[in-house]
Amino acid sequence: MRTRLLGFTAAVILAVLGVMSPAAQAAVPAVDAHTCTDVGKGSVEYNSATGLWTCIGGKYDGEPID
């Protein structure tokens, strides 16, 4: 009986964490190219190692461009 209860509790916790993860990522404001260059005074550069556009310098240094 304890094993079933423990398994059920673990499944519920993992399900709740799985639902909350995308919501937490969506809550973080994304930096776009305009915000990086005009507001943050940085530049937008392509990082071939990661395959992502990144803001370099300024207020949003190191932030990925969305």
Protein backbone atom coordinates (compact mmCIF):
# COMPACT_ATOMS: atom_id res chain seq x y z
CA MET A 1 0.00 0.00 0.00
CA ARG A 2 2.84 2.43 0.81
CA THR A 3 4.45 1.74 -2.55
CA ARG A 4 1.28 2.65 -4.42
CA LEU A 5 0.84 5.82 -2.39
CA LEU A 6 4.45 6.82 -2.94
CA GLY A 7 4.19 6.13 -6.68
CA PHE A 8 0.95 8.09 -6.98
CA THR A 9 2.42 11.03 -5.05
CA ALA A 10 5.53 11.07 -7.26
CA ALA A 11 3.38 10.97 -10.41
CA VAL A 12 1.26 13.91 -9.21
CA ILE A 13 4.33 15.98 -8.31
CA LEU A 14 5.96 15.33 -11.70
CA ALA A 15 2.72 16.17 -13.50
CA VAL A 16 2.42 19.49 -11.66
CA LEU A 17 6.05 20.38 -12.38
CA GLY A 18 5.59 19.49 -16.04
CA VAL A 19 2.61 21.82 -16.32
CA MET A 20 4.34 24.68 -14.51
CA SER A 21 7.59 24.68 -16.55
CA PRO A 22 6.22 26.17 -19.80
CA ALA A 23 4.30 28.79 -17.85
CA ALA A 24 7.46 29.85 -16.03
CA GLN A 25 9.36 30.15 -19.31
CA ALA A 26 6.57 32.19 -20.89
CA ALA A 27 6.61 34.63 -17.98
CA VAL A 28 10.19 35.71 -18.74
CA PRO A 29 10.16 38.71 -21.09
CA ALA A 30 11.99 37.99 -24.33
CA VAL A 31 14.52 40.32 -25.90
CA ASP A 32 13.98 41.08 -29.58
CA ALA A 33 16.47 42.65 -32.00
CA HIS A 34 14.92 46.13 -31.70
CA THR A 35 15.09 46.07 -27.90
CA CYS A 36 18.70 44.88 -27.98
CA THR A 37 19.96 47.50 -30.40
CA ASP A 38 17.85 50.59 -29.70
CA VAL A 39 16.92 50.29 -26.02
CA GLY A 40 19.84 48.23 -24.72
CA LYS A 41 22.53 49.83 -26.93
CA GLY A 42 23.92 46.42 -27.95
CA SER A 43 24.34 44.54 -31.20
CA VAL A 44 22.77 41.34 -32.51
CA GLU A 45 25.18 38.57 -33.50
CA TYR A 46 24.74 34.97 -34.64
CA ASN A 47 26.42 32.35 -32.44
CA SER A 48 27.27 29.42 -34.71
CA ALA A 49 28.14 27.20 -31.74
CA THR A 50 24.60 27.37 -30.35
CA GLY A 51 22.73 28.25 -33.55
CA LEU A 52 21.05 31.22 -31.84
CA TRP A 53 21.03 34.96 -32.34
CA THR A 54 22.38 36.71 -29.24
CA CYS A 55 22.48 40.28 -27.96
CA ILE A 56 26.10 41.33 -27.44
CA GLY A 57 26.99 44.31 -25.27
CA GLY A 58 24.72 46.84 -23.65
CA LYS A 59 21.94 46.24 -21.17
CA TYR A 60 20.93 42.78 -22.48
CA ASP A 61 24.42 41.31 -23.00
CA GLY A 62 24.29 37.55 -23.52
CA GLU A 63 20.49 37.33 -23.82
CA PRO A 64 19.14 35.16 -26.65
CA ILE A 65 17.09 36.98 -29.28
CA ASP A 66 13.52 35.78 -29.58
